[in-house]
Amino acid sequence: QVQLVESGGGLVQAGGSLRLSCAASGRTFRGYVISSYAMGWFRQAPGKEREFVASINWSGNTDYTDSVKGRFTISRDNAENTMYMQMNSLKADDTAVYYCAVDQTPYRRTIRDAANFGLWGQGTQVTVSS
Protein backbone atom coordinates (compact mmCIF):
# COMPACT_ATOMS: atom_id res chain seq x y z
CA GLN A 1 0.00 0.00 0.00
CA VAL A 2 1.31 3.44 -0.89
CA GLN A 3 2.68 5.53 1.97
CA LEU A 4 3.57 9.20 2.34
CA VAL A 5 6.87 10.24 3.89
CA GLU A 6 7.52 13.85 4.90
CA SER A 7 10.97 15.35 5.27
CA GLY A 8 12.65 18.73 5.52
CA GLY A 9 11.47 19.84 8.93
CA GLY A 10 13.83 21.22 11.53
CA LEU A 11 14.76 24.14 13.75
CA VAL A 12 15.08 27.57 12.16
CA GLN A 13 15.21 31.15 13.38
CA ALA A 14 12.35 33.50 12.74
CA GLY A 15 12.65 34.96 9.26
CA GLY A 16 14.34 31.84 7.95
CA SER A 17 13.22 29.28 5.38
CA LEU A 18 12.57 25.56 5.12
CA ARG A 19 11.44 23.32 2.29
CA LEU A 20 9.20 20.40 3.15
CA SER A 21 8.91 17.35 0.91
CA CYS A 22 6.24 14.67 0.80
CA ALA A 23 7.14 11.59 -1.20
CA ALA A 24 4.69 8.85 -2.11
CA SER A 25 6.15 5.35 -2.01
CA GLY A 26 4.06 4.23 -4.97
CA ARG A 27 2.42 5.60 -8.09
CA THR A 28 -1.17 4.66 -7.42
CA PHE A 29 -3.80 5.10 -4.71
CA ARG A 30 -7.23 3.45 -4.86
CA GLY A 31 -6.73 2.60 -8.53
CA TYR A 32 -5.62 6.03 -9.75
CA VAL A 33 -2.19 7.51 -10.17
CA ILE A 34 -1.20 9.90 -7.38
CA SER A 35 -1.10 12.79 -9.85
CA SER A 36 -4.89 12.46 -10.22
CA TYR A 37 -5.44 13.61 -6.66
CA ALA A 38 -5.31 16.87 -4.82
CA MET A 39 -2.64 16.90 -2.14
CA GLY A 40 -2.35 19.09 0.89
CA TRP A 41 -0.35 20.20 3.88
CA PHE A 42 -1.78 20.46 7.36
CA ARG A 43 -0.17 21.38 10.66
CA GLN A 44 -0.83 20.81 14.32
CA ALA A 45 0.68 22.91 17.08
CA PRO A 46 0.80 21.71 20.70
CA GLY A 47 -2.62 22.00 22.32
CA LYS A 48 -4.30 22.99 19.06
CA GLU A 49 -6.35 21.20 16.44
CA ARG A 50 -4.92 20.17 13.11
CA GLU A 51 -5.36 23.00 10.60
CA PHE A 52 -5.24 23.35 6.84
CA VAL A 53 -2.17 25.08 5.41
CA ALA A 54 -2.17 24.62 1.64
CA SER A 55 -3.35 22.33 -1.13
CA ILE A 56 -2.67 21.71 -4.79
CA ASN A 57 -5.02 19.83 -7.07
CA TRP A 58 -4.40 17.53 -10.01
CA SER A 59 -4.24 20.42 -12.49
CA GLY A 60 -1.91 22.56 -10.38
CA ASN A 61 -4.44 24.93 -8.83
CA THR A 62 -3.40 26.00 -5.35
CA ASP A 63 -5.07 27.23 -2.20
CA TYR A 64 -3.55 28.67 1.00
CA THR A 65 -4.78 29.60 4.40
CA ASP A 66 -4.56 33.35 4.89
CA SER A 67 -1.79 33.26 7.47
CA VAL A 68 0.73 31.76 5.02
CA LYS A 69 -0.21 33.53 1.79
CA GLY A 70 2.79 35.25 0.28
CA ARG A 71 5.19 33.25 2.47
CA PHE A 72 4.56 29.58 1.60
CA THR A 73 4.50 28.03 -1.86
CA ILE A 74 3.10 24.57 -2.56
CA SER A 75 4.17 22.61 -5.63
CA ARG A 76 4.30 19.06 -6.91
CA ASP A 77 6.44 16.94 -9.22
CA ASN A 78 4.11 14.33 -10.66
CA ALA A 79 6.96 12.43 -12.32
CA GLU A 80 8.50 11.90 -8.88
CA ASN A 81 5.18 11.54 -7.00
CA THR A 82 6.41 14.23 -4.64
CA MET A 83 4.85 17.38 -3.21
CA TYR A 84 6.78 20.29 -1.77
CA MET A 85 6.16 23.34 0.34
CA GLN A 86 8.66 26.18 0.37
CA MET A 87 8.26 28.14 3.59
CA ASN A 88 9.84 31.59 3.77
CA SER A 89 9.74 34.35 6.36
CA LEU A 90 8.93 31.81 9.03
CA LYS A 91 7.36 32.98 12.28
CA ALA A 92 7.17 31.45 15.73
CA ASP A 93 3.46 30.82 15.09
CA ASP A 94 4.43 28.44 12.27
CA THR A 95 5.87 26.02 14.81
CA ALA A 96 3.98 22.74 14.49
CA VAL A 97 4.08 19.20 13.21
CA TYR A 98 3.42 19.36 9.48
CA TYR A 99 1.52 16.56 7.75
CA CYS A 100 1.00 15.89 4.09
CA ALA A 101 -2.10 14.17 2.75
CA VAL A 102 -3.73 12.88 -0.41
CA ASP A 103 -7.39 13.45 -1.29
CA GLN A 104 -9.56 10.33 -1.14
CA THR A 105 -11.30 11.21 -4.43
CA PRO A 106 -9.46 11.89 -7.71
CA TYR A 107 -9.90 14.90 -9.98
CA ARG A 108 -11.37 17.27 -7.41
CA ARG A 109 -10.62 20.92 -6.99
CA THR A 110 -8.50 22.05 -4.07
CA ILE A 111 -10.00 21.13 -0.72
CA ARG A 112 -9.42 22.20 2.87
CA ASP A 113 -11.39 19.76 5.00
CA ALA A 114 -9.11 17.15 6.54
CA ALA A 115 -11.97 14.65 6.46
CA ASN A 116 -11.73 14.59 2.66
CA PHE A 117 -8.15 13.33 2.70
CA GLY A 118 -7.67 9.58 2.66
CA LEU A 119 -3.93 9.10 3.03
CA TRP A 120 -1.64 10.79 5.55
CA GLY A 121 2.05 10.96 6.30
CA GLN A 122 3.58 10.59 9.74
CA GLY A 123 4.46 14.28 10.10
CA THR A 124 7.63 16.34 10.34
CA GLN A 125 8.41 18.82 13.10
CA VAL A 126 9.00 22.47 12.24
CA THR A 127 10.25 24.67 15.06
CA VAL A 128 10.76 28.39 14.59
CA SER A 129 12.68 30.20 17.31
CA SER A 130 11.92 33.84 17.94
Foldseek 3Di string as FASTA:
>chain_A
DKAKAKDFADEEAAQAKIKMKIAIPDQDDPPHGLLQWKKFKWWDAPPGDIFGAKIAASVGDIDGDPVQPPFKDWDADSVRRMIMIIGGRDDQVPWTWMKMFTFPDGDDGDDTDPVRTDHIHPTDTHGYHD
